[in-house]
Amino acid sequence: MTNHSPHAVNLTLEPADNERLANVCGPMDEHLRQIERRLGVEIANRGNQFQVIGAQPAATAAGKILQNLFDASRETAITPEHIHLSLQESSILHLLKADQPPANGELLSIHTKRGIIRARGPNQQNYLRSIRGNDINFGIGPAGTGKTYLAVACAVEALERDKVRRLILARPAVEAGEKLGFLPGDMAQKVDPYLRPLYDALYEMLGFERVAKLQERNVIEVAPLAFMRGRTLNDAFIILDEAQNATIEQVKMFLTRVGFGSTAVVTGDITQIDLPRHKQSGLRHVIDVLRDVEGISFTFFSAQDVVRHPLVQRVVSAYETYELSHPNDYGN
């Protein structure tokens, strides 16, 4: 078993060239912070003397990455993209994912300032493990299975641990066809009803005042899916909720917004599609397109995973049984 106790790696980058060292560290040491966030280590330096503290495999890998970046700095300007590619090429992220302990009866949990949120049942545990180990994740299943709530909890935890800089929570405003002009009020008032479940989870985990302050600073952004077009989101935790109501083009657009150092979670219920009949659900389509792509996880929930009132589980099971025996009643 791997030793997870803190381990220190000391490193001297030679020659002591201040220009190259600044190139490696980045503006305000941003490149070092990027490595810290991705590997869960701490990096301290004085001149060309570096110390990396963390679990042994991560600390050792971070030391090697720093040396490789310093070697490369002789001929090129180091960018956040270089850091990301160095992490990918080192295979350390996959190693750390594989090194996570299996769920041997011990429940995985998420720590936020408002308390501890525990995964219930093997499917929720696998879901959390997948989110922590993959850049793009899908949680698919009926209401009440915790797929959105746990995704928001993971996002809050990542923000509070400085693993990401921003939270982006999106949802298709399909009931208004994303043509919101006829609704009263400003843009925030127009889209708020569609985003209320995401706000509710944020308020529970962070508190109303803190959410408001983080939104003012643009650290948390809750927006309709249409607002994601044309953007690239780095160092962010991005959630797309109710993705069954996004079209194929919208889901593709959302997934291609994911930038360096970001994690994306897409949630939805393919039995609750509200799109017009001539529009195919992007969530249903993406299962076939990306299911076998490395680095992307799919967690499928069922009625047995419902953690709300017991009657909710029975309602979901009854609908599943009916749909199997009356397939022609459901055009989607």
Protein backbone atom coordinates (compact mmCIF):
# COMPACT_ATOMS: atom_id res chain seq x y z
CA MET A 1 0.00 0.00 0.00
CA THR A 2 1.26 3.48 -0.86
CA ASN A 3 2.37 5.67 2.02
CA HIS A 4 0.09 8.74 2.09
CA SER A 5 1.93 10.52 4.94
CA PRO A 6 3.59 13.84 4.01
CA HIS A 7 6.80 13.43 2.04
CA ALA A 8 9.36 16.14 1.22
CA VAL A 9 11.30 16.37 -2.04
CA ASN A 10 14.19 18.86 -2.14
CA LEU A 11 15.35 20.13 -5.50
CA THR A 12 18.04 22.51 -6.76
CA LEU A 13 17.58 23.85 -10.27
CA GLU A 14 20.94 24.56 -11.87
CA PRO A 15 22.22 26.93 -13.11
CA ALA A 16 20.75 29.62 -10.85
CA ASP A 17 19.34 31.70 -13.70
CA ASN A 18 16.76 34.18 -12.39
CA GLU A 19 15.15 34.68 -15.79
CA ARG A 20 14.60 30.96 -16.31
CA LEU A 21 13.39 30.51 -12.72
CA ALA A 22 10.82 33.29 -13.20
CA ASN A 23 9.76 31.59 -16.44
CA VAL A 24 9.16 28.30 -14.58
CA CYS A 25 7.36 29.85 -11.60
CA GLY A 26 5.15 32.11 -13.72
CA PRO A 27 3.64 35.51 -12.84
CA MET A 28 3.02 35.63 -9.07
CA ASP A 29 4.13 31.95 -8.93
CA GLU A 30 0.97 30.98 -10.82
CA HIS A 31 2.64 27.97 -12.49
CA LEU A 32 3.62 26.58 -9.07
CA ARG A 33 0.07 27.09 -7.81
CA GLN A 34 -1.26 25.21 -10.86
CA ILE A 35 0.94 22.21 -10.05
CA GLU A 36 -0.09 22.39 -6.39
CA ARG A 37 -3.80 22.39 -7.26
CA ARG A 38 -3.55 19.46 -9.65
CA LEU A 39 -1.31 17.22 -7.52
CA GLY A 40 -2.40 18.23 -4.03
CA VAL A 41 1.13 19.26 -2.97
CA GLU A 42 2.77 22.35 -1.49
CA ILE A 43 5.74 23.97 -3.23
CA ALA A 44 8.09 26.43 -1.50
CA ASN A 45 11.19 27.99 -3.02
CA ARG A 46 14.00 30.40 -2.28
CA GLY A 47 15.95 31.27 -5.40
CA ASN A 48 16.74 28.01 -7.17
CA GLN A 49 16.11 25.88 -4.06
CA PHE A 50 12.70 24.14 -4.12
CA GLN A 51 10.89 21.92 -1.64
CA VAL A 52 7.76 19.92 -2.52
CA ILE A 53 5.63 18.46 0.29
CA GLY A 54 2.83 15.95 -0.25
CA ALA A 55 2.04 12.26 -0.68
CA GLN A 56 5.16 10.52 -1.97
CA PRO A 57 4.08 9.77 -5.57
CA ALA A 58 2.68 13.28 -6.07
CA ALA A 59 5.66 15.04 -4.46
CA THR A 60 8.16 12.99 -6.48
CA ALA A 61 6.24 13.65 -9.71
CA ALA A 62 6.05 17.39 -8.96
CA GLY A 63 9.83 17.48 -8.49
CA LYS A 64 10.39 15.80 -11.85
CA ILE A 65 7.93 18.14 -13.55
CA LEU A 66 9.74 21.19 -12.13
CA GLN A 67 13.05 19.86 -13.42
CA ASN A 68 11.59 19.17 -16.87
CA LEU A 69 10.04 22.64 -17.03
CA PHE A 70 13.34 24.22 -16.02
CA ASP A 71 15.13 22.27 -18.77
CA ALA A 72 12.52 23.44 -21.29
CA SER A 73 12.76 27.05 -20.08
CA ARG A 74 16.15 27.36 -21.78
CA GLU A 75 14.44 27.49 -25.17
CA THR A 76 10.76 28.37 -24.63
CA ALA A 77 8.41 30.51 -22.56
CA ILE A 78 6.52 28.34 -20.07
CA THR A 79 2.72 28.76 -20.17
CA PRO A 80 -0.18 27.20 -18.25
CA GLU A 81 -0.63 24.90 -21.25
CA HIS A 82 2.95 23.62 -20.78
CA ILE A 83 2.15 22.84 -17.14
CA HIS A 84 -1.03 20.99 -18.10
CA LEU A 85 0.74 18.92 -20.78
CA SER A 86 3.62 18.11 -18.41
CA LEU A 87 1.14 16.79 -15.87
CA GLN A 88 -0.61 14.70 -18.52
CA GLU A 89 2.65 13.30 -19.92
CA SER A 90 3.86 12.32 -16.45
CA SER A 91 0.82 10.01 -16.09
CA ILE A 92 0.75 11.01 -12.42
CA LEU A 93 -2.93 12.02 -12.52
CA HIS A 94 -3.92 8.52 -13.64
CA LEU A 95 -1.55 7.05 -11.03
CA LEU A 96 -3.13 9.06 -8.25
CA LYS A 97 -6.59 8.08 -9.44
CA ALA A 98 -5.65 4.39 -9.41
CA ASP A 99 -4.09 4.82 -5.98
CA GLN A 100 -7.35 5.93 -4.39
CA PRO A 101 -8.46 3.37 -1.82
CA PRO A 102 -11.43 1.19 -2.80
CA ALA A 103 -14.74 1.60 -1.04
CA ASN A 104 -14.26 -1.23 1.48
CA GLY A 105 -17.30 -0.26 3.49
CA GLU A 106 -15.80 3.17 4.20
CA LEU A 107 -18.02 5.97 2.90
CA LEU A 108 -16.41 8.70 0.84
CA SER A 109 -17.21 12.17 2.08
CA ILE A 110 -17.01 15.79 0.96
CA HIS A 111 -15.81 18.42 3.43
CA THR A 112 -17.24 21.92 3.26
CA LYS A 113 -17.26 24.70 5.85
CA ARG A 114 -20.93 23.97 6.48
CA GLY A 115 -20.24 20.32 7.32
CA ILE A 116 -19.48 16.87 5.92
CA ILE A 117 -21.53 15.43 3.07
CA ARG A 118 -21.32 11.63 2.82
CA ALA A 119 -21.93 9.50 -0.25
CA ARG A 120 -24.71 6.97 0.28
CA GLY A 121 -24.47 3.61 -1.40
CA PRO A 122 -21.92 2.23 -3.89
CA ASN A 123 -23.21 4.25 -6.87
CA GLN A 124 -22.79 7.59 -5.12
CA GLN A 125 -19.34 6.51 -3.91
CA ASN A 126 -18.31 5.55 -7.45
CA TYR A 127 -19.69 8.89 -8.66
CA LEU A 128 -17.53 10.87 -6.22
CA ARG A 129 -14.47 8.79 -7.02
CA SER A 130 -15.03 9.36 -10.74
CA ILE A 131 -15.40 13.14 -10.32
CA ARG A 132 -12.18 13.29 -8.33
CA GLY A 133 -10.31 11.24 -10.92
CA ASN A 134 -11.61 12.45 -14.31
CA ASP A 135 -11.85 15.79 -16.08
CA ILE A 136 -15.28 15.13 -17.64
CA ASN A 137 -18.01 13.20 -15.80
CA PHE A 138 -21.62 12.26 -16.43
CA GLY A 139 -24.21 11.48 -13.75
CA ILE A 140 -27.34 10.07 -15.36
CA GLY A 141 -30.46 8.92 -13.57
CA PRO A 142 -33.79 9.85 -11.98
CA ALA A 143 -34.54 12.71 -9.60
CA GLY A 144 -33.55 12.22 -5.99
CA THR A 145 -30.38 10.20 -6.61
CA GLY A 146 -28.08 13.03 -5.48
CA LYS A 147 -26.33 13.47 -8.82
CA THR A 148 -26.64 17.29 -8.92
CA TYR A 149 -26.27 17.83 -5.18
CA LEU A 150 -23.05 15.79 -5.00
CA ALA A 151 -21.65 17.55 -8.08
CA VAL A 152 -22.24 20.95 -6.45
CA ALA A 153 -20.68 19.65 -3.22
CA CYS A 154 -17.57 18.52 -5.13
CA ALA A 155 -17.41 21.94 -6.79
CA VAL A 156 -17.64 23.76 -3.45
CA GLU A 157 -14.96 21.50 -1.95
CA ALA A 158 -12.64 22.14 -4.92
CA LEU A 159 -13.15 25.90 -4.57
CA GLU A 160 -12.52 25.92 -0.82
CA ARG A 161 -9.34 23.87 -1.27
CA ASP A 162 -8.11 26.22 -4.02
CA LYS A 163 -8.11 23.44 -6.61
CA VAL A 164 -10.14 25.70 -8.91
CA ARG A 165 -10.65 29.44 -9.17
CA ARG A 166 -14.26 29.56 -10.28
CA LEU A 167 -17.52 27.62 -10.21
CA ILE A 168 -19.66 27.70 -13.35
CA LEU A 169 -23.14 26.19 -13.03
CA ALA A 170 -25.28 26.02 -16.16
CA ARG A 171 -28.67 24.71 -17.15
CA PRO A 172 -30.68 24.82 -20.39
CA ALA A 173 -33.68 27.14 -20.15
CA VAL A 174 -35.60 24.84 -22.44
CA GLU A 175 -39.08 25.78 -21.21
CA ALA A 176 -38.53 29.27 -22.61
CA GLY A 177 -36.71 27.96 -25.65
CA GLU A 178 -33.75 30.09 -24.47
CA LYS A 179 -35.67 33.06 -25.91
CA LEU A 180 -36.17 34.92 -22.66
CA GLY A 181 -37.11 38.37 -23.92
CA PHE A 182 -40.82 38.04 -23.27
CA LEU A 183 -40.33 37.35 -19.55
CA PRO A 184 -40.53 40.32 -17.15
CA GLY A 185 -37.50 41.69 -15.29
CA ASP A 186 -33.78 41.90 -16.00
CA MET A 187 -31.72 38.96 -17.27
CA ALA A 188 -31.01 37.57 -13.80
CA GLN A 189 -34.71 37.61 -12.94
CA LYS A 190 -35.58 35.95 -16.26
CA VAL A 191 -33.26 32.96 -15.79
CA ASP A 192 -33.34 32.51 -12.00
CA PRO A 193 -36.38 30.17 -11.99
CA TYR A 194 -34.54 27.68 -14.20
CA LEU A 195 -31.42 27.75 -12.01
CA ARG A 196 -33.11 27.61 -8.61
CA PRO A 197 -32.06 24.00 -7.74
CA LEU A 198 -28.41 24.96 -8.24
CA TYR A 199 -28.81 28.05 -6.05
CA ASP A 200 -30.50 25.97 -3.33
CA ALA A 201 -27.55 23.57 -3.14
CA LEU A 202 -25.05 26.46 -3.06
CA TYR A 203 -26.96 28.25 -0.30
CA GLU A 204 -27.03 25.08 1.81
CA MET A 205 -23.28 24.51 1.50
CA LEU A 206 -21.94 28.08 1.56
CA GLY A 207 -24.69 30.24 3.02
CA PHE A 208 -26.68 32.96 1.28
CA GLU A 209 -24.31 35.86 2.04
CA ARG A 210 -21.15 34.05 0.92
CA VAL A 211 -22.77 32.92 -2.34
CA ALA A 212 -23.84 36.51 -3.02
CA LYS A 213 -20.32 37.84 -2.36
CA LEU A 214 -18.69 35.18 -4.54
CA GLN A 215 -21.14 35.97 -7.34
CA GLU A 216 -20.29 39.68 -7.06
CA ARG A 217 -16.60 38.78 -7.51
CA ASN A 218 -17.51 36.46 -10.43
CA VAL A 219 -16.05 33.47 -8.56
CA ILE A 220 -19.43 31.75 -8.82
CA GLU A 221 -21.41 32.09 -12.03
CA VAL A 222 -24.85 30.56 -12.46
CA ALA A 223 -26.06 30.99 -16.02
CA PRO A 224 -28.17 29.47 -18.79
CA LEU A 225 -26.34 27.07 -21.07
CA ALA A 226 -26.58 29.50 -24.00
CA PHE A 227 -24.21 31.85 -22.15
CA MET A 228 -21.37 29.29 -22.41
CA ARG A 229 -20.95 29.67 -26.16
CA GLY A 230 -17.60 30.99 -27.36
CA ARG A 231 -15.84 30.69 -24.00
CA THR A 232 -12.90 28.62 -22.76
CA LEU A 233 -12.95 27.95 -19.03
CA ASN A 234 -9.61 27.24 -17.30
CA ASP A 235 -9.13 26.31 -13.62
CA ALA A 236 -12.91 26.02 -13.17
CA PHE A 237 -15.40 23.47 -11.89
CA ILE A 238 -18.22 23.44 -14.44
CA ILE A 239 -21.59 21.76 -13.95
CA LEU A 240 -24.30 21.32 -16.58
CA ASP A 241 -27.55 20.29 -14.91
CA GLU A 242 -30.71 18.96 -16.62
CA ALA A 243 -28.60 18.09 -19.66
CA GLN A 244 -31.34 15.85 -21.08
CA ASN A 245 -32.93 19.11 -22.25
CA ALA A 246 -29.82 20.21 -24.15
CA THR A 247 -29.55 19.45 -27.86
CA ILE A 248 -26.68 17.51 -29.42
CA GLU A 249 -25.06 20.76 -30.56
CA GLN A 250 -25.39 22.32 -27.11
CA VAL A 251 -23.79 19.38 -25.29
CA LYS A 252 -20.91 19.37 -27.77
CA MET A 253 -20.53 23.12 -27.31
CA PHE A 254 -20.50 22.75 -23.51
CA LEU A 255 -17.92 19.95 -23.47
CA THR A 256 -15.57 21.92 -25.73
CA ARG A 257 -15.60 24.83 -23.23
CA VAL A 258 -13.52 22.75 -20.77
CA GLY A 259 -10.05 24.27 -20.45
CA PHE A 260 -6.81 23.47 -18.64
CA GLY A 261 -7.15 22.56 -14.97
CA SER A 262 -10.94 22.29 -15.15
CA THR A 263 -13.41 19.60 -14.13
CA ALA A 264 -16.82 19.25 -15.79
CA VAL A 265 -19.85 17.33 -14.50
CA VAL A 266 -22.94 16.80 -16.68
CA THR A 267 -26.10 15.58 -14.97
CA GLY A 268 -29.54 14.67 -16.25
CA ASP A 269 -32.38 12.17 -16.52
CA ILE A 270 -32.97 10.77 -20.00
CA THR A 271 -36.52 9.72 -19.03
CA GLN A 272 -37.52 13.37 -18.41
CA ILE A 273 -36.82 15.04 -21.77
CA ASP A 274 -38.79 18.24 -22.41
CA LEU A 275 -37.35 19.06 -25.84
CA PRO A 276 -39.64 19.33 -28.89
CA ARG A 277 -40.13 15.95 -30.55
CA HIS A 278 -38.00 16.85 -33.56
CA LYS A 279 -35.00 17.63 -31.30
CA GLN A 280 -32.79 14.78 -30.08
CA SER A 281 -31.46 14.93 -26.51
CA GLY A 282 -27.75 15.65 -26.44
CA LEU A 283 -27.40 13.69 -23.19
CA ARG A 284 -28.88 10.55 -24.69
CA HIS A 285 -26.69 10.97 -27.79
CA VAL A 286 -23.43 11.61 -25.89
CA ILE A 287 -23.65 8.25 -24.09
CA ASP A 288 -23.01 6.46 -27.39
CA VAL A 289 -20.39 8.97 -28.58
CA LEU A 290 -18.13 9.23 -25.50
CA ARG A 291 -18.81 6.17 -23.39
CA ASP A 292 -15.46 4.51 -24.21
CA VAL A 293 -13.29 7.66 -24.25
CA GLU A 294 -10.46 7.57 -21.71
CA GLY A 295 -10.65 10.28 -19.06
CA ILE A 296 -14.46 10.53 -19.24
CA SER A 297 -16.63 8.78 -16.66
CA PHE A 298 -20.29 7.75 -16.74
CA THR A 299 -22.25 6.92 -13.58
CA PHE A 300 -25.76 5.56 -14.13
CA PHE A 301 -28.24 5.86 -11.26
CA SER A 302 -31.49 3.92 -10.91
CA ALA A 303 -34.59 4.02 -8.71
CA GLN A 304 -32.67 2.03 -6.09
CA ASP A 305 -30.32 5.01 -5.64
CA VAL A 306 -33.07 7.51 -4.78
CA VAL A 307 -32.34 9.07 -1.39
CA ARG A 308 -35.50 11.16 -1.01
CA HIS A 309 -38.81 10.09 0.55
CA PRO A 310 -39.39 6.32 0.04
CA LEU A 311 -42.49 7.11 -2.03
CA VAL A 312 -40.28 8.92 -4.58
CA GLN A 313 -38.37 5.69 -5.14
CA ARG A 314 -41.63 3.81 -5.68
CA VAL A 315 -42.91 6.46 -8.10
CA VAL A 316 -39.71 6.26 -10.16
CA SER A 317 -39.83 2.44 -10.19
CA ALA A 318 -43.48 2.47 -11.27
CA TYR A 319 -42.74 4.82 -14.17
CA GLU A 320 -39.73 2.70 -15.25
CA THR A 321 -41.91 -0.42 -15.29
CA TYR A 322 -44.68 1.32 -17.23
CA GLU A 323 -42.28 2.75 -19.82
CA LEU A 324 -40.82 -0.70 -20.49
CA SER A 325 -44.26 -2.13 -21.15
CA HIS A 326 -45.62 0.90 -23.08
CA PRO A 327 -42.70 2.15 -25.19
CA ASN A 328 -44.95 3.79 -27.77
CA ASP A 329 -46.32 6.21 -25.20
CA TYR A 330 -42.93 7.99 -25.02
CA GLY A 331 -41.85 9.71 -28.19
CA ASN A 332 -38.43 10.71 -26.75
